[in-house]
Amino acid sequence: MSQEQGSTGSTSALGSDPLATLAAAVKPSAGRESHDLLGGPDWITGRPPPPLAKWNPSHCGDIGMEIREDGSWWHQGAPIKRQELVRLFASILRREEDGEFYLVTPVEKVIVRVALHPLRVIDAEPLQGHTPKTLILTLNTGGQVPLDARHPLALEPRAANAAFVALDNGLTALFTRAAWYRLAELADGNGVLESGACRISLLD
């Protein structure tokens, strides 16, 4: 059995290979559609997102999925090493009203335990030639989002007050140390960033 399949003992109704079942239920887009980076829905994997708002399946149980503090994905104690699989699962991840994270397909829903934040911001850079000045954040899952009023910044006391940003579907992305330093470099002498017509203090 591969590392990504994990061991037995799942309480899910997804069968002996729940990861394959989940992946097969979602057809990833080829990503050729046009994308309004500043005004459209978040493409957190660099591809058009599936219509999660339209999917409300029954809860299928717990298959031992978790996202650890470093942002790595694990299944039943084994790391999920295939980045394409991680990106696919990130595209169907949402946080619901109970505060829990779930992988959601048209026909299944399984819980994902998230230790800190599900995604990571790995870089930040100004959008060239755009007024007002807008910073574009690159995610560890391959997507990009602007830092603006729709994607507010906050500080995470559980991570030495590193920044995190809010995304669609109740998701959040914590800045890596390198991305946080990059953000600090882009701030003015008072620790204030200007992005998407917002003024953001990194010192609050």
N, C-alpha and C. Protein backbone atom coordinates (compact mmCIF):
# COMPACT_ATOMS: atom_id res chain seq x y z
N MET A 1 0.85 -1.20 0.00
CA MET A 1 0.00 0.00 0.00
C MET A 1 0.88 1.24 0.00
N SER A 2 0.55 2.24 -0.80
CA SER A 2 1.36 3.44 -0.89
C SER A 2 1.19 4.29 0.35
N GLN A 3 2.14 5.24 0.56
CA GLN A 3 2.05 6.14 1.70
C GLN A 3 0.78 6.97 1.63
N GLU A 4 0.35 7.35 0.45
CA GLU A 4 -0.79 8.24 0.33
C GLU A 4 -2.10 7.52 0.60
N GLN A 5 -2.13 6.21 0.58
CA GLN A 5 -3.34 5.49 0.90
C GLN A 5 -3.48 5.27 2.39
N GLY A 6 -2.35 5.22 3.08
CA GLY A 6 -2.40 5.05 4.52
C GLY A 6 -2.79 3.64 4.92
N SER A 7 -3.16 3.49 6.19
CA SER A 7 -3.50 2.19 6.73
C SER A 7 -5.00 2.04 6.83
N THR A 8 -5.42 0.89 7.30
CA THR A 8 -6.84 0.64 7.47
C THR A 8 -7.34 1.31 8.73
N GLY A 9 -8.66 1.23 8.96
CA GLY A 9 -9.21 1.79 10.18
C GLY A 9 -10.03 3.03 9.93
N SER A 10 -10.26 3.42 8.69
CA SER A 10 -11.08 4.57 8.38
C SER A 10 -12.53 4.31 8.75
N THR A 11 -13.21 5.35 9.26
CA THR A 11 -14.62 5.25 9.55
C THR A 11 -15.45 5.76 8.38
N SER A 12 -14.81 6.07 7.26
CA SER A 12 -15.51 6.62 6.10
C SER A 12 -16.20 5.54 5.30
N ALA A 13 -17.19 5.99 4.50
CA ALA A 13 -17.88 5.08 3.59
C ALA A 13 -17.28 5.15 2.20
N LEU A 14 -16.05 5.62 2.08
CA LEU A 14 -15.44 5.85 0.78
C LEU A 14 -14.69 4.64 0.24
N GLY A 15 -14.67 3.55 0.99
CA GLY A 15 -14.02 2.35 0.49
C GLY A 15 -12.58 2.23 0.93
N SER A 16 -11.85 1.31 0.31
CA SER A 16 -10.49 1.00 0.75
C SER A 16 -9.46 2.04 0.33
N ASP A 17 -9.78 2.87 -0.65
CA ASP A 17 -8.85 3.91 -1.11
C ASP A 17 -9.59 5.25 -1.15
N PRO A 18 -9.82 5.87 0.01
CA PRO A 18 -10.64 7.08 0.05
C PRO A 18 -10.03 8.26 -0.70
N LEU A 19 -8.69 8.37 -0.75
CA LEU A 19 -8.08 9.48 -1.47
C LEU A 19 -8.39 9.39 -2.96
N ALA A 20 -8.28 8.19 -3.50
CA ALA A 20 -8.59 8.01 -4.92
C ALA A 20 -10.06 8.27 -5.20
N THR A 21 -10.93 7.87 -4.27
CA THR A 21 -12.35 8.10 -4.44
C THR A 21 -12.67 9.59 -4.45
N LEU A 22 -12.07 10.34 -3.52
CA LEU A 22 -12.28 11.78 -3.47
C LEU A 22 -11.75 12.45 -4.74
N ALA A 23 -10.55 12.06 -5.15
CA ALA A 23 -9.95 12.68 -6.33
C ALA A 23 -10.77 12.40 -7.58
N ALA A 24 -11.31 11.18 -7.67
CA ALA A 24 -12.08 10.81 -8.86
C ALA A 24 -13.40 11.55 -8.95
N ALA A 25 -13.90 12.04 -7.80
CA ALA A 25 -15.19 12.73 -7.78
C ALA A 25 -15.10 14.17 -8.27
N VAL A 26 -13.88 14.67 -8.43
CA VAL A 26 -13.69 16.05 -8.86
C VAL A 26 -12.84 16.06 -10.12
N LYS A 27 -13.33 16.71 -11.14
CA LYS A 27 -12.58 16.83 -12.38
C LYS A 27 -11.91 18.19 -12.42
N PRO A 28 -10.58 18.24 -12.24
CA PRO A 28 -9.91 19.54 -12.24
C PRO A 28 -10.01 20.22 -13.59
N SER A 29 -10.18 21.54 -13.55
CA SER A 29 -10.26 22.30 -14.80
C SER A 29 -8.89 22.39 -15.44
N ALA A 30 -8.89 22.54 -16.74
CA ALA A 30 -7.63 22.73 -17.46
C ALA A 30 -7.04 24.10 -17.20
N GLY A 31 -7.84 25.01 -16.60
CA GLY A 31 -7.32 26.31 -16.23
C GLY A 31 -7.15 27.27 -17.38
N ARG A 32 -7.89 27.09 -18.47
CA ARG A 32 -7.73 27.95 -19.63
C ARG A 32 -8.69 29.14 -19.62
N GLU A 33 -9.64 29.15 -18.70
CA GLU A 33 -10.57 30.25 -18.62
C GLU A 33 -9.85 31.53 -18.20
N SER A 34 -10.42 32.68 -18.60
CA SER A 34 -9.84 33.95 -18.17
C SER A 34 -10.12 34.15 -16.68
N HIS A 35 -9.24 34.84 -16.02
CA HIS A 35 -9.34 35.01 -14.57
C HIS A 35 -9.17 36.47 -14.20
N ASP A 36 -10.16 37.01 -13.50
CA ASP A 36 -10.07 38.36 -12.96
C ASP A 36 -9.41 38.27 -11.60
N LEU A 37 -8.11 38.46 -11.56
CA LEU A 37 -7.34 38.28 -10.33
C LEU A 37 -7.81 39.21 -9.22
N LEU A 38 -8.23 40.43 -9.59
CA LEU A 38 -8.58 41.43 -8.59
C LEU A 38 -10.05 41.42 -8.21
N GLY A 39 -10.89 40.80 -9.01
CA GLY A 39 -12.31 40.88 -8.72
C GLY A 39 -13.06 39.57 -8.69
N GLY A 40 -12.46 38.51 -9.20
CA GLY A 40 -13.16 37.24 -9.29
C GLY A 40 -12.97 36.38 -8.06
N PRO A 41 -13.51 35.18 -8.07
CA PRO A 41 -13.29 34.25 -6.96
C PRO A 41 -11.82 33.83 -6.90
N ASP A 42 -11.41 33.39 -5.72
CA ASP A 42 -10.01 32.99 -5.54
C ASP A 42 -9.70 31.71 -6.30
N TRP A 43 -8.65 31.76 -7.10
CA TRP A 43 -8.11 30.56 -7.74
C TRP A 43 -6.91 30.11 -6.90
N ILE A 44 -7.15 29.42 -5.82
CA ILE A 44 -6.07 29.14 -4.88
C ILE A 44 -5.08 28.11 -5.41
N THR A 45 -5.44 27.43 -6.49
CA THR A 45 -4.50 26.48 -7.10
C THR A 45 -4.03 26.96 -8.47
N GLY A 46 -4.43 28.16 -8.87
CA GLY A 46 -4.10 28.65 -10.20
C GLY A 46 -5.06 28.16 -11.26
N ARG A 47 -6.09 27.43 -10.87
CA ARG A 47 -7.11 26.92 -11.77
C ARG A 47 -8.48 27.38 -11.30
N PRO A 48 -9.46 27.40 -12.20
CA PRO A 48 -10.81 27.78 -11.77
C PRO A 48 -11.30 26.88 -10.64
N PRO A 49 -11.88 27.45 -9.60
CA PRO A 49 -12.33 26.63 -8.48
C PRO A 49 -13.61 25.86 -8.83
N PRO A 50 -13.78 24.68 -8.24
CA PRO A 50 -15.05 23.97 -8.43
C PRO A 50 -16.17 24.69 -7.69
N PRO A 51 -17.43 24.41 -8.04
CA PRO A 51 -18.56 25.12 -7.44
C PRO A 51 -18.93 24.59 -6.07
N LEU A 52 -18.07 24.82 -5.08
CA LEU A 52 -18.29 24.25 -3.75
C LEU A 52 -19.61 24.69 -3.14
N ALA A 53 -20.04 25.93 -3.42
CA ALA A 53 -21.27 26.44 -2.82
C ALA A 53 -22.49 25.62 -3.24
N LYS A 54 -22.38 24.92 -4.35
CA LYS A 54 -23.50 24.12 -4.84
C LYS A 54 -23.48 22.69 -4.31
N TRP A 55 -22.41 22.33 -3.61
CA TRP A 55 -22.27 20.94 -3.17
C TRP A 55 -22.57 20.84 -1.68
N ASN A 56 -23.54 20.03 -1.31
CA ASN A 56 -23.90 19.83 0.08
C ASN A 56 -24.17 18.35 0.36
N PRO A 57 -23.15 17.52 0.21
CA PRO A 57 -23.34 16.08 0.45
C PRO A 57 -23.39 15.76 1.94
N SER A 58 -23.75 14.55 2.26
CA SER A 58 -23.74 14.10 3.64
C SER A 58 -22.31 13.87 4.10
N HIS A 59 -22.10 13.99 5.40
CA HIS A 59 -20.79 13.75 5.99
C HIS A 59 -20.47 12.26 5.92
N CYS A 60 -19.35 11.93 5.28
CA CYS A 60 -18.97 10.52 5.11
C CYS A 60 -18.05 10.01 6.20
N GLY A 61 -17.60 10.87 7.10
CA GLY A 61 -16.79 10.38 8.21
C GLY A 61 -15.39 10.96 8.25
N ASP A 62 -14.54 10.23 8.96
CA ASP A 62 -13.17 10.65 9.24
C ASP A 62 -12.22 9.65 8.59
N ILE A 63 -11.40 10.14 7.62
CA ILE A 63 -10.45 9.24 6.96
C ILE A 63 -9.01 9.53 7.40
N GLY A 64 -8.86 10.31 8.49
CA GLY A 64 -7.52 10.57 8.99
C GLY A 64 -6.76 11.62 8.21
N MET A 65 -7.48 12.61 7.65
CA MET A 65 -6.82 13.69 6.93
C MET A 65 -6.46 14.81 7.89
N GLU A 66 -5.26 15.37 7.73
CA GLU A 66 -4.84 16.49 8.57
C GLU A 66 -3.87 17.39 7.82
N ILE A 67 -3.87 18.66 8.21
CA ILE A 67 -2.89 19.62 7.73
C ILE A 67 -2.13 20.11 8.95
N ARG A 68 -0.85 19.84 8.99
CA ARG A 68 -0.06 20.15 10.18
C ARG A 68 0.38 21.62 10.21
N GLU A 69 1.02 22.02 11.29
CA GLU A 69 1.36 23.43 11.48
C GLU A 69 2.23 23.99 10.37
N ASP A 70 3.05 23.15 9.74
CA ASP A 70 3.91 23.61 8.67
C ASP A 70 3.20 23.65 7.32
N GLY A 71 1.91 23.33 7.29
CA GLY A 71 1.14 23.36 6.05
C GLY A 71 1.18 22.06 5.26
N SER A 72 1.87 21.05 5.76
CA SER A 72 1.94 19.78 5.04
C SER A 72 0.66 18.97 5.26
N TRP A 73 0.29 18.21 4.22
CA TRP A 73 -0.91 17.39 4.25
C TRP A 73 -0.54 15.95 4.58
N TRP A 74 -1.35 15.32 5.45
CA TRP A 74 -1.09 13.96 5.88
C TRP A 74 -2.38 13.15 5.83
N HIS A 75 -2.23 11.87 5.55
CA HIS A 75 -3.37 10.95 5.56
C HIS A 75 -3.01 9.72 6.39
N GLN A 76 -3.73 9.53 7.49
CA GLN A 76 -3.51 8.40 8.39
C GLN A 76 -2.04 8.27 8.78
N GLY A 77 -1.42 9.39 9.13
CA GLY A 77 -0.06 9.40 9.64
C GLY A 77 1.03 9.40 8.61
N ALA A 78 0.69 9.41 7.32
CA ALA A 78 1.69 9.42 6.25
C ALA A 78 1.55 10.69 5.42
N PRO A 79 2.66 11.32 5.04
CA PRO A 79 2.56 12.55 4.26
C PRO A 79 2.04 12.29 2.86
N ILE A 80 1.25 13.22 2.36
CA ILE A 80 0.80 13.18 0.97
C ILE A 80 1.85 13.94 0.16
N LYS A 81 2.64 13.24 -0.60
CA LYS A 81 3.79 13.84 -1.28
C LYS A 81 3.48 14.36 -2.67
N ARG A 82 2.44 13.87 -3.29
CA ARG A 82 2.10 14.31 -4.65
C ARG A 82 1.46 15.69 -4.59
N GLN A 83 2.18 16.69 -5.09
CA GLN A 83 1.68 18.07 -5.01
C GLN A 83 0.42 18.27 -5.83
N GLU A 84 0.27 17.54 -6.91
CA GLU A 84 -0.95 17.68 -7.69
C GLU A 84 -2.16 17.20 -6.89
N LEU A 85 -1.96 16.18 -6.07
CA LEU A 85 -3.05 15.71 -5.22
C LEU A 85 -3.35 16.71 -4.12
N VAL A 86 -2.31 17.31 -3.54
CA VAL A 86 -2.50 18.35 -2.53
C VAL A 86 -3.28 19.52 -3.12
N ARG A 87 -2.91 19.94 -4.32
CA ARG A 87 -3.62 21.07 -4.95
C ARG A 87 -5.08 20.72 -5.22
N LEU A 88 -5.32 19.51 -5.66
CA LEU A 88 -6.70 19.09 -5.91
C LEU A 88 -7.51 19.14 -4.62
N PHE A 89 -6.96 18.61 -3.54
CA PHE A 89 -7.68 18.61 -2.27
C PHE A 89 -7.86 20.04 -1.74
N ALA A 90 -6.86 20.89 -1.92
CA ALA A 90 -7.00 22.28 -1.49
C ALA A 90 -8.14 22.97 -2.21
N SER A 91 -8.37 22.60 -3.47
CA SER A 91 -9.42 23.24 -4.25
C SER A 91 -10.81 22.86 -3.78
N ILE A 92 -10.95 21.76 -3.02
CA ILE A 92 -12.26 21.34 -2.54
C ILE A 92 -12.35 21.43 -1.01
N LEU A 93 -11.49 22.23 -0.41
CA LEU A 93 -11.48 22.41 1.04
C LEU A 93 -12.31 23.64 1.40
N ARG A 94 -13.16 23.50 2.40
CA ARG A 94 -13.88 24.67 2.91
C ARG A 94 -14.09 24.53 4.41
N ARG A 95 -14.26 25.70 5.04
CA ARG A 95 -14.59 25.73 6.47
C ARG A 95 -16.08 26.01 6.60
N GLU A 96 -16.73 25.23 7.44
CA GLU A 96 -18.18 25.36 7.57
C GLU A 96 -18.56 26.05 8.88
N GLU A 97 -19.85 26.21 9.11
CA GLU A 97 -20.33 27.00 10.24
C GLU A 97 -19.93 26.40 11.58
N ASP A 98 -19.65 25.11 11.62
CA ASP A 98 -19.22 24.49 12.87
C ASP A 98 -17.75 24.75 13.18
N GLY A 99 -17.07 25.50 12.30
CA GLY A 99 -15.67 25.82 12.50
C GLY A 99 -14.70 24.77 12.02
N GLU A 100 -15.20 23.65 11.52
CA GLU A 100 -14.35 22.57 11.04
C GLU A 100 -14.11 22.70 9.54
N PHE A 101 -12.99 22.10 9.10
CA PHE A 101 -12.65 22.07 7.67
C PHE A 101 -13.06 20.72 7.08
N TYR A 102 -13.54 20.77 5.83
CA TYR A 102 -13.97 19.55 5.17
C TYR A 102 -13.50 19.55 3.71
N LEU A 103 -13.18 18.36 3.22
CA LEU A 103 -13.05 18.15 1.79
C LEU A 103 -14.45 17.81 1.27
N VAL A 104 -14.86 18.53 0.22
CA VAL A 104 -16.23 18.40 -0.25
C VAL A 104 -16.24 18.09 -1.75
N THR A 105 -16.97 17.07 -2.12
CA THR A 105 -17.22 16.74 -3.53
C THR A 105 -18.74 16.74 -3.73
N PRO A 106 -19.21 16.52 -4.96
CA PRO A 106 -20.67 16.48 -5.13
C PRO A 106 -21.35 15.38 -4.32
N VAL A 107 -20.61 14.34 -3.94
CA VAL A 107 -21.25 13.19 -3.28
C VAL A 107 -20.64 12.79 -1.94
N GLU A 108 -19.51 13.40 -1.54
CA GLU A 108 -18.87 13.04 -0.27
C GLU A 108 -18.40 14.29 0.47
N LYS A 109 -18.26 14.13 1.77
CA LYS A 109 -17.67 15.18 2.60
C LYS A 109 -16.94 14.51 3.76
N VAL A 110 -15.65 14.82 3.93
CA VAL A 110 -14.87 14.25 5.04
C VAL A 110 -14.14 15.37 5.77
N ILE A 111 -13.97 15.18 7.06
CA ILE A 111 -13.35 16.18 7.90
C ILE A 111 -11.83 16.20 7.69
N VAL A 112 -11.25 17.39 7.79
CA VAL A 112 -9.80 17.57 7.74
C VAL A 112 -9.40 18.34 9.00
N ARG A 113 -8.52 17.78 9.78
CA ARG A 113 -8.07 18.48 10.99
C ARG A 113 -6.91 19.40 10.64
N VAL A 114 -7.07 20.68 10.94
CA VAL A 114 -6.08 21.69 10.58
C VAL A 114 -5.45 22.23 11.87
N ALA A 115 -4.14 22.08 11.99
CA ALA A 115 -3.46 22.46 13.22
C ALA A 115 -3.38 23.98 13.39
N LEU A 116 -3.19 24.72 12.28
CA LEU A 116 -3.02 26.16 12.40
C LEU A 116 -3.80 26.87 11.30
N HIS A 117 -3.25 26.92 10.09
CA HIS A 117 -3.94 27.47 8.92
C HIS A 117 -3.75 26.48 7.77
N PRO A 118 -4.75 26.31 6.92
CA PRO A 118 -4.65 25.27 5.89
C PRO A 118 -3.68 25.58 4.76
N LEU A 119 -3.47 26.86 4.46
CA LEU A 119 -2.61 27.23 3.34
C LEU A 119 -1.48 28.13 3.80
N ARG A 120 -0.51 28.35 2.90
CA ARG A 120 0.63 29.22 3.18
C ARG A 120 0.78 30.25 2.08
N VAL A 121 1.16 31.46 2.47
CA VAL A 121 1.60 32.48 1.52
C VAL A 121 3.12 32.37 1.43
N ILE A 122 3.63 32.18 0.21
CA ILE A 122 5.07 31.97 0.05
C ILE A 122 5.78 33.16 -0.59
N ASP A 123 5.02 34.14 -1.10
CA ASP A 123 5.66 35.32 -1.69
C ASP A 123 4.64 36.44 -1.79
N ALA A 124 5.15 37.66 -1.90
CA ALA A 124 4.32 38.85 -2.09
C ALA A 124 5.07 39.82 -2.98
N GLU A 125 4.39 40.36 -3.99
CA GLU A 125 5.03 41.31 -4.89
C GLU A 125 3.99 42.26 -5.47
N PRO A 126 4.40 43.49 -5.79
CA PRO A 126 3.44 44.45 -6.36
C PRO A 126 2.99 44.01 -7.74
N LEU A 127 1.73 44.30 -8.05
CA LEU A 127 1.20 44.07 -9.39
C LEU A 127 1.67 45.20 -10.28
N GLN A 128 2.48 44.87 -11.25
CA GLN A 128 3.13 45.89 -12.07
C GLN A 128 2.11 46.68 -12.90
N GLY A 129 2.30 48.00 -12.91
CA GLY A 129 1.49 48.87 -13.74
C GLY A 129 0.07 49.07 -13.28
N HIS A 130 -0.23 48.71 -12.03
CA HIS A 130 -1.60 48.83 -11.55
C HIS A 130 -1.73 49.95 -10.52
N THR A 131 -2.79 50.75 -10.68
CA THR A 131 -3.11 51.80 -9.72
C THR A 131 -4.54 51.59 -9.25
N PRO A 132 -4.81 51.60 -7.91
CA PRO A 132 -3.85 51.81 -6.84
C PRO A 132 -2.89 50.63 -6.66
N LYS A 133 -1.81 50.90 -5.97
CA LYS A 133 -0.82 49.86 -5.72
C LYS A 133 -1.48 48.65 -5.08
N THR A 134 -1.21 47.48 -5.62
CA THR A 134 -1.81 46.25 -5.11
C THR A 134 -0.75 45.16 -5.02
N LEU A 135 -0.67 44.52 -3.87
CA LEU A 135 0.26 43.42 -3.68
C LEU A 135 -0.43 42.10 -4.03
N ILE A 136 0.29 41.25 -4.73
CA ILE A 136 -0.22 39.94 -5.11
C ILE A 136 0.50 38.88 -4.26
N LEU A 137 -0.30 38.06 -3.62
CA LEU A 137 0.23 37.01 -2.74
C LEU A 137 0.21 35.67 -3.47
N THR A 138 1.33 34.98 -3.44
CA THR A 138 1.43 33.65 -4.05
C THR A 138 1.28 32.59 -2.97
N LEU A 139 0.41 31.62 -3.23
CA LEU A 139 0.12 30.56 -2.26
C LEU A 139 0.93 29.30 -2.55
N ASN A 140 1.10 28.48 -1.54
CA ASN A 140 1.87 27.24 -1.71
C ASN A 140 1.14 26.23 -2.59
N THR A 141 -0.12 26.49 -2.91
CA THR A 141 -0.88 25.59 -3.77
C THR A 141 -0.91 26.08 -5.22
N GLY A 142 -0.13 27.11 -5.54
CA GLY A 142 0.02 27.54 -6.92
C GLY A 142 -0.83 28.72 -7.33
N GLY A 143 -1.77 29.14 -6.50
CA GLY A 143 -2.63 30.26 -6.84
C GLY A 143 -2.09 31.60 -6.38
N GLN A 144 -2.76 32.67 -6.80
CA GLN A 144 -2.41 34.02 -6.38
C GLN A 144 -3.67 34.78 -6.03
N VAL A 145 -3.59 35.62 -5.00
CA VAL A 145 -4.71 36.47 -4.59
C VAL A 145 -4.16 37.85 -4.26
N PRO A 146 -4.99 38.90 -4.44
CA PRO A 146 -4.53 40.23 -4.06
C PRO A 146 -4.68 40.46 -2.56
N LEU A 147 -3.86 41.33 -2.02
CA LEU A 147 -4.04 41.79 -0.65
C LEU A 147 -4.91 43.04 -0.72
N ASP A 148 -6.18 42.91 -0.31
CA ASP A 148 -7.13 44.01 -0.45
C ASP A 148 -8.22 43.85 0.60
N ALA A 149 -9.28 44.66 0.46
CA ALA A 149 -10.35 44.64 1.46
C ALA A 149 -11.06 43.28 1.51
N ARG A 150 -11.09 42.55 0.40
CA ARG A 150 -11.75 41.25 0.37
C ARG A 150 -10.86 40.16 0.95
N HIS A 151 -9.57 40.43 1.04
CA HIS A 151 -8.61 39.48 1.60
C HIS A 151 -7.84 40.17 2.73
N PRO A 152 -8.51 40.41 3.85
CA PRO A 152 -7.88 41.17 4.94
C PRO A 152 -6.73 40.41 5.60
N LEU A 153 -5.82 41.21 6.12
CA LEU A 153 -4.64 40.69 6.80
C LEU A 153 -4.86 40.76 8.31
N ALA A 154 -4.38 39.76 9.01
CA ALA A 154 -4.42 39.75 10.47
C ALA A 154 -3.14 39.11 10.97
N LEU A 155 -2.89 39.25 12.27
CA LEU A 155 -1.69 38.68 12.87
C LEU A 155 -2.06 37.45 13.68
N GLU A 156 -1.20 36.44 13.62
CA GLU A 156 -1.46 35.16 14.27
C GLU A 156 -0.57 35.01 15.51
N PRO A 157 -1.15 35.19 16.72
CA PRO A 157 -0.33 35.08 17.93
C PRO A 157 0.26 33.69 18.13
N ARG A 158 -0.35 32.66 17.54
CA ARG A 158 0.18 31.29 17.69
C ARG A 158 1.40 31.06 16.81
N ALA A 159 1.74 32.04 15.96
CA ALA A 159 2.89 31.91 15.07
C ALA A 159 3.76 33.17 15.18
N ALA A 160 4.00 33.60 16.42
CA ALA A 160 4.87 34.76 16.69
C ALA A 160 4.39 36.01 15.96
N ASN A 161 3.06 36.16 15.85
CA ASN A 161 2.44 37.32 15.20
C ASN A 161 2.80 37.44 13.72
N ALA A 162 3.07 36.32 13.07
CA ALA A 162 3.18 36.35 11.61
C ALA A 162 1.80 36.64 11.04
N ALA A 163 1.78 37.14 9.82
CA ALA A 163 0.51 37.52 9.22
C ALA A 163 -0.19 36.33 8.58
N PHE A 164 -1.52 36.41 8.52
CA PHE A 164 -2.28 35.50 7.70
C PHE A 164 -3.36 36.29 6.98
N VAL A 165 -3.85 35.72 5.89
CA VAL A 165 -4.82 36.40 5.06
C VAL A 165 -6.05 35.52 4.90
N ALA A 166 -7.23 36.17 4.86
CA ALA A 166 -8.49 35.45 4.69
C ALA A 166 -8.78 35.25 3.20
N LEU A 167 -9.31 34.06 2.88
CA LEU A 167 -9.60 33.68 1.51
C LEU A 167 -11.05 33.22 1.39
N ASP A 168 -11.45 32.86 0.18
CA ASP A 168 -12.79 32.34 -0.05
C ASP A 168 -13.00 31.02 0.69
N ASN A 169 -14.26 30.66 0.88
CA ASN A 169 -14.67 29.38 1.48
C ASN A 169 -14.19 29.20 2.91
N GLY A 170 -13.96 30.33 3.61
CA GLY A 170 -13.54 30.25 5.00
C GLY A 170 -12.10 29.85 5.20
N LEU A 171 -11.30 29.82 4.14
CA LEU A 171 -9.90 29.41 4.26
C LEU A 171 -9.03 30.57 4.69
N THR A 172 -7.86 30.25 5.18
CA THR A 172 -6.85 31.24 5.55
C THR A 172 -5.49 30.74 5.12
N ALA A 173 -4.57 31.68 4.92
CA ALA A 173 -3.21 31.32 4.52
C ALA A 173 -2.22 32.09 5.39
N LEU A 174 -1.36 31.37 6.06
CA LEU A 174 -0.34 31.96 6.93
C LEU A 174 0.91 32.26 6.12
N PHE A 175 1.52 33.42 6.35
CA PHE A 175 2.75 33.77 5.66
C PHE A 175 3.90 32.92 6.17
N THR A 176 4.70 32.39 5.25
CA THR A 176 5.96 31.79 5.64
C THR A 176 6.90 32.88 6.13
N ARG A 177 7.97 32.48 6.76
CA ARG A 177 8.91 33.49 7.26
C ARG A 177 9.46 34.33 6.12
N ALA A 178 9.81 33.69 5.00
CA ALA A 178 10.36 34.42 3.86
C ALA A 178 9.33 35.41 3.30
N ALA A 179 8.07 34.99 3.20
CA ALA A 179 7.03 35.88 2.68
C ALA A 179 6.74 37.01 3.65
N TRP A 180 6.81 36.73 4.94
CA TRP A 180 6.60 37.77 5.96
C TRP A 180 7.71 38.83 5.87
N TYR A 181 8.95 38.38 5.72
CA TYR A 181 10.04 39.33 5.55
C TYR A 181 9.86 40.16 4.28
N ARG A 182 9.39 39.50 3.23
CA ARG A 182 9.13 40.20 1.98
C ARG A 182 8.06 41.26 2.18
N LEU A 183 7.03 40.93 2.93
CA LEU A 183 5.96 41.89 3.22
C LEU A 183 6.52 43.08 4.01
N ALA A 184 7.38 42.79 4.99
CA ALA A 184 7.97 43.85 5.79
C ALA A 184 8.84 44.77 4.94
N GLU A 185 9.54 44.21 3.95
CA GLU A 185 10.37 45.02 3.06
C GLU A 185 9.55 45.99 2.23
N LEU A 186 8.29 45.60 1.93
CA LEU A 186 7.43 46.43 1.10
C LEU A 186 6.71 47.51 1.89
N ALA A 187 6.79 47.43 3.22
CA ALA A 187 6.14 48.44 4.06
C ALA A 187 6.99 49.70 4.15
N ASP A 188 6.34 50.81 4.54
CA ASP A 188 7.09 52.06 4.69
C ASP A 188 7.80 52.09 6.04
N GLY A 189 8.42 53.20 6.36
CA GLY A 189 9.20 53.30 7.59
C GLY A 189 8.37 53.17 8.85
N ASN A 190 7.06 53.33 8.74
CA ASN A 190 6.17 53.17 9.89
C ASN A 190 5.51 51.79 9.93
N GLY A 191 5.99 50.89 9.08
CA GLY A 191 5.42 49.55 9.06
C GLY A 191 4.06 49.47 8.43
N VAL A 192 3.75 50.41 7.51
CA VAL A 192 2.44 50.46 6.88
C VAL A 192 2.56 50.05 5.41
N LEU A 193 1.65 49.18 4.99
CA LEU A 193 1.56 48.74 3.60
C LEU A 193 0.37 49.43 2.93
N GLU A 194 0.53 49.73 1.66
CA GLU A 194 -0.59 50.17 0.85
C GLU A 194 -0.86 49.11 -0.21
N SER A 195 -2.10 48.63 -0.23
CA SER A 195 -2.44 47.59 -1.20
C SER A 195 -3.94 47.59 -1.44
N GLY A 196 -4.33 47.63 -2.71
CA GLY A 196 -5.73 47.58 -3.04
C GLY A 196 -6.56 48.66 -2.39
N ALA A 197 -6.03 49.90 -2.34
CA ALA A 197 -6.69 51.05 -1.72
C ALA A 197 -6.81 50.92 -0.21
N CYS A 198 -6.11 49.96 0.40
CA CYS A 198 -6.12 49.78 1.86
C CYS A 198 -4.75 50.18 2.42
N ARG A 199 -4.77 50.70 3.62
CA ARG A 199 -3.55 50.94 4.39
C ARG A 199 -3.53 49.95 5.54
N ILE A 200 -2.45 49.16 5.59
CA ILE A 200 -2.38 48.05 6.53
C ILE A 200 -1.13 48.20 7.39
N SER A 201 -1.31 48.25 8.68
CA SER A 201 -0.17 48.33 9.59
C SER A 201 0.27 46.94 9.98
N LEU A 202 1.57 46.70 9.85
CA LEU A 202 2.13 45.40 10.26
C LEU A 202 2.51 45.39 11.74
N LEU A 203 2.32 46.53 12.40
CA LEU A 203 2.75 46.65 13.78
C LEU A 203 1.61 46.55 14.79
N ASP A 204 0.38 46.47 14.31
CA ASP A 204 -0.78 46.39 15.20
C ASP A 204 -0.89 45.02 15.85
